[in-house]
PDB file of N, CA and C in Angstrom:
ATOM      1  N   UNK A   1      11.472   1.387   0.915  1.00  0.00           N
ATOM      2  CA  UNK A   1      11.241   1.690   2.307  1.00  0.00           C
ATOM      3  C   UNK A   1       9.881   2.366   2.423  1.00  0.00           C
ATOM      4  N   UNK A   2       9.180   2.010   3.452  1.00  0.00           N
ATOM      5  CA  UNK A   2       7.821   2.489   3.669  1.00  0.00           C
ATOM      6  C   UNK A   2       7.799   3.416   4.887  1.00  0.00           C
ATOM      7  N   UNK A   3       6.935   4.414   4.877  1.00  0.00           N
ATOM      8  CA  UNK A   3       6.756   5.290   6.027  1.00  0.00           C
ATOM      9  C   UNK A   3       5.600   4.760   6.861  1.00  0.00           C
ATOM     10  N   UNK A   4       5.869   4.501   8.129  1.00  0.00           N
ATOM     11  CA  UNK A   4       4.849   4.027   9.058  1.00  0.00           C
ATOM     12  C   UNK A   4       4.497   5.188   9.967  1.00  0.00           C
ATOM     13  N   UNK A   5       3.240   5.536  10.046  1.00  0.00           N
ATOM     14  CA  UNK A   5       2.800   6.660  10.868  1.00  0.00           C
ATOM     15  C   UNK A   5       2.359   6.187  12.247  1.00  0.00           C
ATOM     16  N   UNK A   6       2.169   7.154  13.131  1.00  0.00           N
ATOM     17  CA  UNK A   6       1.668   6.839  14.466  1.00  0.00           C
ATOM     18  C   UNK A   6       0.297   6.164  14.347  1.00  0.00           C
ATOM     19  N   UNK A   7      -0.531   6.630  13.418  1.00  0.00           N
ATOM     20  CA  UNK A   7      -1.849   6.036  13.203  1.00  0.00           C
ATOM     21  C   UNK A   7      -1.723   4.559  12.822  1.00  0.00           C
ATOM     22  N   UNK A   8      -0.775   4.245  11.943  1.00  0.00           N
ATOM     23  CA  UNK A   8      -0.554   2.848  11.546  1.00  0.00           C
ATOM     24  C   UNK A   8      -0.204   1.986  12.759  1.00  0.00           C
ATOM     25  N   UNK A   9       0.694   2.494  13.592  1.00  0.00           N
ATOM     26  CA  UNK A   9       1.092   1.737  14.779  1.00  0.00           C
ATOM     27  C   UNK A   9      -0.061   1.577  15.754  1.00  0.00           C
ATOM     28  N   UNK A  10      -0.844   2.627  15.926  1.00  0.00           N
ATOM     29  CA  UNK A  10      -2.008   2.555  16.820  1.00  0.00           C
ATOM     30  C   UNK A  10      -2.981   1.484  16.324  1.00  0.00           C
ATOM     31  N   UNK A  11      -3.238   1.466  15.026  1.00  0.00           N
ATOM     32  CA  UNK A  11      -4.146   0.465  14.456  1.00  0.00           C
ATOM     33  C   UNK A  11      -3.625  -0.955  14.676  1.00  0.00           C
ATOM     34  N   UNK A  12      -2.335  -1.156  14.441  1.00  0.00           N
ATOM     35  CA  UNK A  12      -1.735  -2.486  14.632  1.00  0.00           C
ATOM     36  C   UNK A  12      -1.822  -2.945  16.083  1.00  0.00           C
ATOM     37  N   UNK A  13      -1.445  -2.049  16.997  1.00  0.00           N
ATOM     38  CA  UNK A  13      -1.442  -2.406  18.424  1.00  0.00           C
ATOM     39  C   UNK A  13      -2.858  -2.665  18.913  1.00  0.00           C
ATOM     40  N   UNK A  14      -3.803  -1.843  18.499  1.00  0.00           N
ATOM     41  CA  UNK A  14      -5.203  -2.041  18.903  1.00  0.00           C
ATOM     42  C   UNK A  14      -5.690  -3.415  18.455  1.00  0.00           C
ATOM     43  N   UNK A  15      -5.322  -3.787  17.232  1.00  0.00           N
ATOM     44  CA  UNK A  15      -5.747  -5.093  16.713  1.00  0.00           C
ATOM     45  C   UNK A  15      -5.054  -6.234  17.454  1.00  0.00           C
ATOM     46  N   UNK A  16      -3.755  -6.129  17.659  1.00  0.00           N
ATOM     47  CA  UNK A  16      -2.997  -7.194  18.321  1.00  0.00           C
ATOM     48  C   UNK A  16      -3.405  -7.375  19.781  1.00  0.00           C
ATOM     49  N   UNK A  17      -3.708  -6.282  20.451  1.00  0.00           N
ATOM     50  CA  UNK A  17      -4.051  -6.337  21.875  1.00  0.00           C
ATOM     51  C   UNK A  17      -5.545  -6.436  22.113  1.00  0.00           C
ATOM     52  N   UNK A  18      -6.312  -6.429  21.032  1.00  0.00           N
ATOM     53  CA  UNK A  18      -7.762  -6.505  21.120  1.00  0.00           C
ATOM     54  C   UNK A  18      -8.317  -5.416  22.039  1.00  0.00           C
ATOM     55  N   UNK A  19      -7.824  -4.188  21.825  1.00  0.00           N
ATOM     56  CA  UNK A  19      -8.285  -3.022  22.571  1.00  0.00           C
ATOM     57  C   UNK A  19      -8.873  -2.011  21.598  1.00  0.00           C
ATOM     58  N   UNK A  20      -9.647  -1.084  22.161  1.00  0.00           N
ATOM     59  CA  UNK A  20     -10.212  -0.035  21.325  1.00  0.00           C
ATOM     60  C   UNK A  20      -9.099   0.903  20.867  1.00  0.00           C
ATOM     61  N   UNK A  21      -9.220   1.344  19.640  1.00  0.00           N
ATOM     62  CA  UNK A  21      -8.232   2.237  19.032  1.00  0.00           C
ATOM     63  C   UNK A  21      -8.078   3.519  19.846  1.00  0.00           C
ATOM     64  N   UNK A  22      -9.167   4.044  20.379  1.00  0.00           N
ATOM     65  CA  UNK A  22      -9.149   5.292  21.152  1.00  0.00           C
ATOM     66  C   UNK A  22      -8.278   5.134  22.402  1.00  0.00           C
ATOM     67  N   UNK A  23      -8.403   4.006  23.086  1.00  0.00           N
ATOM     68  CA  UNK A  23      -7.604   3.745  24.283  1.00  0.00           C
ATOM     69  C   UNK A  23      -6.126   3.630  23.935  1.00  0.00           C
ATOM     70  N   UNK A  24      -5.814   2.883  22.895  1.00  0.00           N
ATOM     71  CA  UNK A  24      -4.419   2.702  22.476  1.00  0.00           C
ATOM     72  C   UNK A  24      -3.817   4.042  22.076  1.00  0.00           C
ATOM     73  N   UNK A  25      -4.592   4.847  21.362  1.00  0.00           N
ATOM     74  CA  UNK A  25      -4.105   6.161  20.942  1.00  0.00           C
ATOM     75  C   UNK A  25      -3.780   7.032  22.153  1.00  0.00           C
ATOM     76  N   UNK A  26      -4.644   7.008  23.154  1.00  0.00           N
ATOM     77  CA  UNK A  26      -4.419   7.803  24.361  1.00  0.00           C
ATOM     78  C   UNK A  26      -3.165   7.344  25.097  1.00  0.00           C
ATOM     79  N   UNK A  27      -2.973   6.044  25.209  1.00  0.00           N
ATOM     80  CA  UNK A  27      -1.804   5.502  25.907  1.00  0.00           C
ATOM     81  C   UNK A  27      -0.524   5.883  25.164  1.00  0.00           C
ATOM     82  N   UNK A  28      -0.515   5.703  23.858  1.00  0.00           N
ATOM     83  CA  UNK A  28       0.683   6.019  23.072  1.00  0.00           C
ATOM     84  C   UNK A  28       0.983   7.511  23.122  1.00  0.00           C
ATOM     85  N   UNK A  29      -0.032   8.347  22.996  1.00  0.00           N
ATOM     86  CA  UNK A  29       0.207   9.791  23.029  1.00  0.00           C
ATOM     87  C   UNK A  29       0.712  10.226  24.402  1.00  0.00           C
ATOM     88  N   UNK A  30       0.160   9.651  25.458  1.00  0.00           N
ATOM     89  CA  UNK A  30       0.627   9.965  26.811  1.00  0.00           C
ATOM     90  C   UNK A  30       2.072   9.534  26.984  1.00  0.00           C
ATOM     91  N   UNK A  31       2.425   8.372  26.475  1.00  0.00           N
ATOM     92  CA  UNK A  31       3.799   7.859  26.522  1.00  0.00           C
ATOM     93  C   UNK A  31       4.749   8.829  25.809  1.00  0.00           C
ATOM     94  N   UNK A  32       4.389   9.249  24.603  1.00  0.00           N
ATOM     95  CA  UNK A  32       5.231  10.172  23.841  1.00  0.00           C
ATOM     96  C   UNK A  32       5.339  11.525  24.544  1.00  0.00           C
ATOM     97  N   UNK A  33       4.234  12.007  25.105  1.00  0.00           N
ATOM     98  CA  UNK A  33       4.258  13.270  25.842  1.00  0.00           C
ATOM     99  C   UNK A  33       5.198  13.192  27.040  1.00  0.00           C
ATOM    100  N   UNK A  34       5.201  12.054  27.731  1.00  0.00           N
ATOM    101  CA  UNK A  34       6.088  11.877  28.882  1.00  0.00           C
ATOM    102  C   UNK A  34       7.560  11.855  28.458  1.00  0.00           C
ATOM    103  N   UNK A  35       7.842  11.244  27.330  1.00  0.00           N
ATOM    104  CA  UNK A  35       9.217  11.234  26.817  1.00  0.00           C
ATOM    105  C   UNK A  35       9.668  12.666  26.542  1.00  0.00           C
ATOM    106  N   UNK A  36       8.819  13.436  25.864  1.00  0.00           N
ATOM    107  CA  UNK A  36       9.152  14.834  25.554  1.00  0.00           C
ATOM    108  C   UNK A  36       9.359  15.633  26.831  1.00  0.00           C
ATOM    109  N   UNK A  37       8.481  15.441  27.804  1.00  0.00           N
ATOM    110  CA  UNK A  37       8.581  16.177  29.064  1.00  0.00           C
ATOM    111  C   UNK A  37       9.893  15.871  29.783  1.00  0.00           C
ATOM    112  N   UNK A  38      10.245  14.596  29.871  1.00  0.00           N
ATOM    113  CA  UNK A  38      11.469  14.212  30.577  1.00  0.00           C
ATOM    114  C   UNK A  38      12.724  14.698  29.850  1.00  0.00           C
ATOM    115  N   UNK A  39      12.728  14.606  28.524  1.00  0.00           N
ATOM    116  CA  UNK A  39      13.870  15.122  27.768  1.00  0.00           C
ATOM    117  C   UNK A  39      13.976  16.634  27.920  1.00  0.00           C
ATOM    118  N   UNK A  40      12.842  17.310  27.994  1.00  0.00           N
ATOM    119  CA  UNK A  40      12.821  18.748  28.208  1.00  0.00           C
ATOM    120  C   UNK A  40      13.421  19.142  29.547  1.00  0.00           C
ATOM    121  N   UNK A  41      13.288  18.270  30.535  1.00  0.00           N
ATOM    122  CA  UNK A  41      13.876  18.499  31.861  1.00  0.00           C
ATOM    123  C   UNK A  41      15.363  18.151  31.880  1.00  0.00           C
ATOM    124  N   UNK A  42      15.860  17.569  30.792  1.00  0.00           N
ATOM    125  CA  UNK A  42      17.265  17.174  30.745  1.00  0.00           C
ATOM    126  C   UNK A  42      17.516  15.767  31.245  1.00  0.00           C
ATOM    127  N   UNK A  43      16.456  15.003  31.481  1.00  0.00           N
ATOM    128  CA  UNK A  43      16.605  13.636  31.975  1.00  0.00           C
ATOM    129  C   UNK A  43      16.959  12.669  30.858  1.00  0.00           C
ATOM    130  N   UNK A  44      17.525  11.551  31.248  1.00  0.00           N
ATOM    131  CA  UNK A  44      17.918  10.472  30.337  1.00  0.00           C
ATOM    132  C   UNK A  44      16.857   9.389  30.446  1.00  0.00           C
ATOM    133  N   UNK A  45      16.404   8.859  29.298  1.00  0.00           N
ATOM    134  CA  UNK A  45      15.412   7.783  29.304  1.00  0.00           C
ATOM    135  C   UNK A  45      16.055   6.515  28.764  1.00  0.00           C
ATOM    136  N   UNK A  46      15.984   5.462  29.550  1.00  0.00           N
ATOM    137  CA  UNK A  46      16.577   4.188  29.157  1.00  0.00           C
ATOM    138  C   UNK A  46      15.491   3.126  29.052  1.00  0.00           C
ATOM    139  N   UNK A  47      15.385   2.532  27.874  1.00  0.00           N
ATOM    140  CA  UNK A  47      14.474   1.417  27.637  1.00  0.00           C
ATOM    141  C   UNK A  47      15.347   0.220  27.299  1.00  0.00           C
ATOM    142  N   UNK A  48      15.510  -0.667  28.253  1.00  0.00           N
ATOM    143  CA  UNK A  48      16.434  -1.796  28.100  1.00  0.00           C
ATOM    144  C   UNK A  48      16.188  -2.539  26.795  1.00  0.00           C
ATOM    145  N   UNK A  49      17.279  -2.849  26.123  1.00  0.00           N
ATOM    146  CA  UNK A  49      17.309  -3.582  24.850  1.00  0.00           C
ATOM    147  C   UNK A  49      16.766  -2.770  23.674  1.00  0.00           C
ATOM    148  N   UNK A  50      16.056  -1.678  23.923  1.00  0.00           N
ATOM    149  CA  UNK A  50      15.554  -0.832  22.845  1.00  0.00           C
ATOM    150  C   UNK A  50      16.532   0.300  22.568  1.00  0.00           C
ATOM    151  N   UNK A  51      16.817   1.097  23.596  1.00  0.00           N
ATOM    152  CA  UNK A  51      17.764   2.184  23.421  1.00  0.00           C
ATOM    153  C   UNK A  51      17.658   3.232  24.506  1.00  0.00           C
ATOM    154  N   UNK A  52      18.487   4.273  24.369  1.00  0.00           N
ATOM    155  CA  UNK A  52      18.570   5.342  25.354  1.00  0.00           C
ATOM    156  C   UNK A  52      18.408   6.685  24.646  1.00  0.00           C
ATOM    157  N   UNK A  53      17.529   7.532  25.190  1.00  0.00           N
ATOM    158  CA  UNK A  53      17.359   8.899  24.707  1.00  0.00           C
ATOM    159  C   UNK A  53      18.051   9.820  25.698  1.00  0.00           C
ATOM    160  N   UNK A  54      18.864  10.748  25.180  1.00  0.00           N
ATOM    161  CA  UNK A  54      19.530  11.727  26.030  1.00  0.00           C
ATOM    162  C   UNK A  54      19.432  13.101  25.403  1.00  0.00           C
ATOM    163  N   UNK A  55      19.253  14.109  26.250  1.00  0.00           N
ATOM    164  CA  UNK A  55      19.253  15.491  25.798  1.00  0.00           C
ATOM    165  C   UNK A  55      20.693  15.989  25.854  1.00  0.00           C
ATOM    166  N   UNK A  56      21.184  16.538  24.751  1.00  0.00           N
ATOM    167  CA  UNK A  56      22.560  17.037  24.674  1.00  0.00           C
ATOM    168  C   UNK A  56      22.541  18.481  24.199  1.00  0.00           C
ATOM    169  N   UNK A  57      23.574  19.221  24.556  1.00  0.00           N
ATOM    170  CA  UNK A  57      23.722  20.597  24.086  1.00  0.00           C
ATOM    171  C   UNK A  57      24.801  20.613  23.015  1.00  0.00           C
ATOM    172  N   UNK A  58      24.452  21.116  21.844  1.00  0.00           N
ATOM    173  CA  UNK A  58      25.439  21.304  20.779  1.00  0.00           C
ATOM    174  C   UNK A  58      26.084  22.665  20.982  1.00  0.00           C
ATOM    175  N   UNK A  59      27.378  22.714  20.959  1.00  0.00           N
ATOM    176  CA  UNK A  59      28.104  23.959  21.181  1.00  0.00           C
ATOM    177  C   UNK A  59      27.876  24.929  20.018  1.00  0.00           C
ATOM    178  N   UNK A  60      28.003  26.204  20.328  1.00  0.00           N
ATOM    179  CA  UNK A  60      27.935  27.224  19.274  1.00  0.00           C
ATOM    180  C   UNK A  60      29.116  27.014  18.332  1.00  0.00           C
ATOM    181  N   UNK A  61      28.937  27.373  17.074  1.00  0.00           N
ATOM    182  CA  UNK A  61      30.009  27.152  16.103  1.00  0.00           C
ATOM    183  C   UNK A  61      29.868  28.128  14.946  1.00  0.00           C
ATOM    184  N   UNK A  62      30.874  28.158  14.113  1.00  0.00           N
ATOM    185  CA  UNK A  62      30.835  28.940  12.888  1.00  0.00           C
ATOM    186  C   UNK A  62      30.644  27.955  11.742  1.00  0.00           C
ATOM    187  N   UNK A  63      29.569  28.139  10.980  1.00  0.00           N
ATOM    188  CA  UNK A  63      29.275  27.273   9.831  1.00  0.00           C
ATOM    189  C   UNK A  63      29.501  28.066   8.548  1.00  0.00           C
ATOM    190  N   UNK A  64      29.338  27.390   7.431  1.00  0.00           N
ATOM    191  CA  UNK A  64      29.547  28.048   6.145  1.00  0.00           C
ATOM    192  C   UNK A  64      28.380  27.731   5.222  1.00  0.00           C
ATOM    193  N   UNK A  65      27.801  28.780   4.627  1.00  0.00           N
ATOM    194  CA  UNK A  65      26.733  28.603   3.652  1.00  0.00           C
ATOM    195  C   UNK A  65      27.356  27.977   2.409  1.00  0.00           C
ATOM    196  N   UNK A  66      26.909  26.779   1.984  1.00  0.00           N
ATOM    197  CA  UNK A  66      27.529  26.106   0.844  1.00  0.00           C
ATOM    198  C   UNK A  66      27.375  26.847  -0.487  1.00  0.00           C
ATOM    199  N   UNK A  67      26.312  27.628  -0.637  1.00  0.00           N
ATOM    200  CA  UNK A  67      26.113  28.362  -1.897  1.00  0.00           C
ATOM    201  C   UNK A  67      27.009  29.587  -1.992  1.00  0.00           C
ATOM    202  N   UNK A  68      26.987  30.394  -0.928  1.00  0.00           N
ATOM    203  CA  UNK A  68      27.710  31.676  -0.978  1.00  0.00           C
ATOM    204  C   UNK A  68      29.081  31.605  -0.327  1.00  0.00           C
ATOM    205  N   UNK A  69      29.362  30.518   0.387  1.00  0.00           N
ATOM    206  CA  UNK A  69      30.599  30.334   1.152  1.00  0.00           C
ATOM    207  C   UNK A  69      30.744  31.382   2.262  1.00  0.00           C
ATOM    208  N   UNK A  70      29.651  32.049   2.590  1.00  0.00           N
ATOM    209  CA  UNK A  70      29.658  33.039   3.664  1.00  0.00           C
ATOM    210  C   UNK A  70      29.681  32.327   5.015  1.00  0.00           C
ATOM    211  N   UNK A  71      30.462  32.826   5.938  1.00  0.00           N
ATOM    212  CA  UNK A  71      30.530  32.253   7.287  1.00  0.00           C
ATOM    213  C   UNK A  71      29.333  32.753   8.090  1.00  0.00           C
ATOM    214  N   UNK A  72      28.721  31.820   8.854  1.00  0.00           N
ATOM    215  CA  UNK A  72      27.517  32.127   9.617  1.00  0.00           C
ATOM    216  C   UNK A  72      27.691  31.603  11.040  1.00  0.00           C
ATOM    217  N   UNK A  73      27.342  32.421  12.022  1.00  0.00           N
ATOM    218  CA  UNK A  73      27.396  31.990  13.419  1.00  0.00           C
ATOM    219  C   UNK A  73      26.149  31.162  13.729  1.00  0.00           C
ATOM    220  N   UNK A  74      26.348  29.986  14.310  1.00  0.00           N
ATOM    221  CA  UNK A  74      25.243  29.109  14.703  1.00  0.00           C
ATOM    222  C   UNK A  74      25.256  29.025  16.225  1.00  0.00           C
ATOM    223  N   UNK A  75      24.143  29.407  16.846  1.00  0.00           N
ATOM    224  CA  UNK A  75      24.035  29.378  18.306  1.00  0.00           C
ATOM    225  C   UNK A  75      24.048  27.952  18.834  1.00  0.00           C
ATOM    226  N   UNK A  76      24.364  27.808  20.115  1.00  0.00           N
ATOM    227  CA  UNK A  76      24.276  26.488  20.737  1.00  0.00           C
ATOM    228  C   UNK A  76      22.795  26.118  20.839  1.00  0.00           C
ATOM    229  N   UNK A  77      22.525  24.823  20.842  1.00  0.00           N
ATOM    230  CA  UNK A  77      21.134  24.384  20.964  1.00  0.00           C
ATOM    231  C   UNK A  77      21.074  22.999  21.574  1.00  0.00           C
ATOM    232  N   UNK A  78      19.923  22.716  22.174  1.00  0.00           N
ATOM    233  CA  UNK A  78      19.702  21.384  22.748  1.00  0.00           C
ATOM    234  C   UNK A  78      19.135  20.481  21.673  1.00  0.00           C
ATOM    235  N   UNK A  79      19.580  19.247  21.697  1.00  0.00           N
ATOM    236  CA  UNK A  79      19.085  18.256  20.747  1.00  0.00           C
ATOM    237  C   UNK A  79      18.973  16.921  21.472  1.00  0.00           C
ATOM    238  N   UNK A  80      18.412  15.937  20.820  1.00  0.00           N
ATOM    239  CA  UNK A  80      18.242  14.614  21.425  1.00  0.00           C
ATOM    240  C   UNK A  80      19.141  13.613  20.717  1.00  0.00           C
ATOM    241  N   UNK A  81      19.839  12.842  21.521  1.00  0.00           N
ATOM    242  CA  UNK A  81      20.697  11.777  21.012  1.00  0.00           C
ATOM    243  C   UNK A  81      20.014  10.451  21.350  1.00  0.00           C
ATOM    244  N   UNK A  82      20.039   9.517  20.407  1.00  0.00           N
ATOM    245  CA  UNK A  82      19.469   8.187  20.646  1.00  0.00           C
ATOM    246  C   UNK A  82      20.552   7.152  20.416  1.00  0.00           C
ATOM    247  N   UNK A  83      20.777   6.301  21.412  1.00  0.00           N
ATOM    248  CA  UNK A  83      21.731   5.206  21.288  1.00  0.00           C
ATOM    249  C   UNK A  83      20.943   3.907  21.203  1.00  0.00           C
ATOM    250  N   UNK A  84      21.187   3.154  20.165  1.00  0.00           N
ATOM    251  CA  UNK A  84      20.451   1.916  19.890  1.00  0.00           C
ATOM    252  C   UNK A  84      20.774   0.855  20.936  1.00  0.00           C
ATOM    253  N   UNK A  85      19.735   0.151  21.377  1.00  0.00           N
ATOM    254  CA  UNK A  85      19.885  -0.933  22.345  1.00  0.00           C
ATOM    255  C   UNK A  85      20.204  -2.259  21.669  1.00  0.00           C
ATOM    256  N   UNK A  86      20.453  -3.243  22.495  1.00  0.00           N
ATOM    257  CA  UNK A  86      20.918  -4.554  22.038  1.00  0.00           C
ATOM    258  C   UNK A  86      19.969  -5.239  21.053  1.00  0.00           C
ATOM    259  N   UNK A  87      18.704  -5.369  21.403  1.00  0.00           N
ATOM    260  CA  UNK A  87      17.772  -6.092  20.522  1.00  0.00           C
ATOM    261  C   UNK A  87      17.545  -5.359  19.207  1.00  0.00           C
ATOM    262  N   UNK A  88      17.461  -4.030  19.266  1.00  0.00           N
ATOM    263  CA  UNK A  88      17.282  -3.284  18.028  1.00  0.00           C
ATOM    264  C   UNK A  88      18.516  -3.416  17.144  1.00  0.00           C
ATOM    265  N   UNK A  89      19.695  -3.372  17.754  1.00  0.00           N
ATOM    266  CA  UNK A  89      20.929  -3.510  16.997  1.00  0.00           C
ATOM    267  C   UNK A  89      20.972  -4.870  16.287  1.00  0.00           C
ATOM    268  N   UNK A  90      20.577  -5.923  17.010  1.00  0.00           N
ATOM    269  CA  UNK A  90      20.537  -7.265  16.407  1.00  0.00           C
ATOM    270  C   UNK A  90      19.582  -7.311  15.224  1.00  0.00           C
ATOM    271  N   UNK A  91      18.397  -6.733  15.385  1.00  0.00           N
ATOM    272  CA  UNK A  91      17.393  -6.748  14.330  1.00  0.00           C
ATOM    273  C   UNK A  91      17.868  -5.964  13.108  1.00  0.00           C
ATOM    274  N   UNK A  92      18.485  -4.807  13.350  1.00  0.00           N
ATOM    275  CA  UNK A  92      18.964  -3.981  12.241  1.00  0.00           C
ATOM    276  C   UNK A  92      20.117  -4.639  11.494  1.00  0.00           C
ATOM    277  N   UNK A  93      20.878  -5.466  12.189  1.00  0.00           N
ATOM    278  CA  UNK A  93      22.000  -6.165  11.558  1.00  0.00           C
ATOM    279  C   UNK A  93      21.567  -7.473  10.924  1.00  0.00           C
ATOM    280  N   UNK A  94      20.270  -7.711  10.882  1.00  0.00           N
ATOM    281  CA  UNK A  94      19.765  -8.912  10.224  1.00  0.00           C
ATOM    282  C   UNK A  94      19.700 -10.115  11.125  1.00  0.00           C
ATOM    283  N   UNK A  95      19.697  -9.886  12.432  1.00  0.00           N
ATOM    284  CA  UNK A  95      19.611 -10.979  13.388  1.00  0.00           C
ATOM    285  C   UNK A  95      18.237 -11.606  13.392  1.00  0.00           C
ATOM    286  N   UNK A  96      18.053 -12.590  14.221  1.00  0.00           N
ATOM    287  CA  UNK A  96      16.799 -13.319  14.312  1.00  0.00           C
ATOM    288  C   UNK A  96      15.652 -12.411  14.721  1.00  0.00           C
ATOM    289  N   UNK A  97      14.533 -12.541  14.034  1.00  0.00           N
ATOM    290  CA  UNK A  97      13.348 -11.759  14.398  1.00  0.00           C
ATOM    291  C   UNK A  97      12.670 -12.367  15.617  1.00  0.00           C
ATOM    292  N   UNK A  98      13.130 -13.541  16.034  1.00  0.00           N
ATOM    293  CA  UNK A  98      12.563 -14.206  17.201  1.00  0.00           C
ATOM    294  C   UNK A  98      13.440 -14.030  18.432  1.00  0.00           C
ATOM    295  N   UNK A  99      14.274 -12.990  18.426  1.00  0.00           N
ATOM    296  CA  UNK A  99      15.133 -12.744  19.573  1.00  0.00           C
ATOM    297  C   UNK A  99      14.257 -12.498  20.796  1.00  0.00           C
ATOM    298  N   UNK A 100      14.642 -13.084  21.941  1.00  0.00           N
ATOM    299  CA  UNK A 100      13.813 -12.913  23.132  1.00  0.00           C
ATOM    300  C   UNK A 100      13.842 -11.478  23.618  1.00  0.00           C
ATOM    301  N   UNK A 101      12.711 -11.015  24.143  1.00  0.00           N
ATOM    302  CA  UNK A 101      12.674  -9.689  24.750  1.00  0.00           C
ATOM    303  C   UNK A 101      13.203  -9.806  26.156  1.00  0.00           C
ATOM    304  N   UNK A 102      13.475  -8.685  26.794  1.00  0.00           N
ATOM    305  CA  UNK A 102      14.033  -8.711  28.135  1.00  0.00           C
ATOM    306  C   UNK A 102      13.060  -9.380  29.118  1.00  0.00           C
ATOM    307  N   UNK A 103      11.756  -9.286  28.847  1.00  0.00           N
ATOM    308  CA  UNK A 103      10.760  -9.903  29.730  1.00  0.00           C
ATOM    309  C   UNK A 103      10.771 -11.420  29.592  1.00  0.00           C
ATOM    310  N   UNK A 104      11.197 -11.909  28.410  1.00  0.00           N
ATOM    311  CA  UNK A 104      11.181 -13.340  28.170  1.00  0.00           C
ATOM    312  C   UNK A 104      12.514 -14.012  28.443  1.00  0.00           C
ATOM    313  N   UNK A 105      13.603 -13.236  28.494  1.00  0.00           N
ATOM    314  CA  UNK A 105      14.913 -13.845  28.667  1.00  0.00           C
ATOM    315  C   UNK A 105      15.154 -14.175  30.122  1.00  0.00           C
ATOM    316  N   UNK A 106      16.022 -15.125  30.358  1.00  0.00           N
ATOM    317  CA  UNK A 106      16.327 -15.552  31.711  1.00  0.00           C
ATOM    318  C   UNK A 106      16.967 -14.414  32.483  1.00  0.00           C
ATOM    319  N   UNK A 107      16.415 -14.121  33.647  1.00  0.00           N
ATOM    320  CA  UNK A 107      16.986 -13.094  34.495  1.00  0.00           C
ATOM    321  C   UNK A 107      16.707 -11.679  34.047  1.00  0.00           C
ATOM    322  N   UNK A 108      15.973 -11.502  32.957  1.00  0.00           N
ATOM    323  CA  UNK A 108      15.694 -10.156  32.450  1.00  0.00           C
ATOM    324  C   UNK A 108      14.567  -9.508  33.213  1.00  0.00           C
ATOM    325  N   UNK A 109      14.518  -8.205  33.151  1.00  0.00           N
ATOM    326  CA  UNK A 109      13.421  -7.487  33.781  1.00  0.00           C
ATOM    327  C   UNK A 109      12.458  -6.996  32.724  1.00  0.00           C
ATOM    328  N   UNK A 110      11.258  -6.693  33.118  1.00  0.00           N
ATOM    329  CA  UNK A 110      10.235  -6.257  32.162  1.00  0.00           C
ATOM    330  C   UNK A 110      10.146  -4.747  32.152  1.00  0.00           C
ATOM    331  N   UNK A 111      11.216  -4.049  31.774  1.00  0.00           N
ATOM    332  CA  UNK A 111      11.241  -2.573  31.723  1.00  0.00           C
ATOM    333  C   UNK A 111      10.435  -2.054  30.575  1.00  0.00           C
TER     334      UNK A 111
END
């Protein structure tokens, strides 16, 4: 398994779209910043066929230190849940890499 960085993706997209790397980097960073901002507000983000990001609150609980077996109180905290969308699920299960995107499928929208 290989680690792909944001820089790698920016380089690929810039090349595929024949755009300057600086412009692509700005667009991607703005996109990521908007996702963080909306999740911070508690909003749900839905990208059809890709997936859904939701901000959830984990309840406070009592945990146990595995080394010392000491009980430790863990405060509640907000976290992000991601639910995989249809096309990603197909790809991860070994489905066709030529699966149509929502923009290309009949009756689909270009979200």
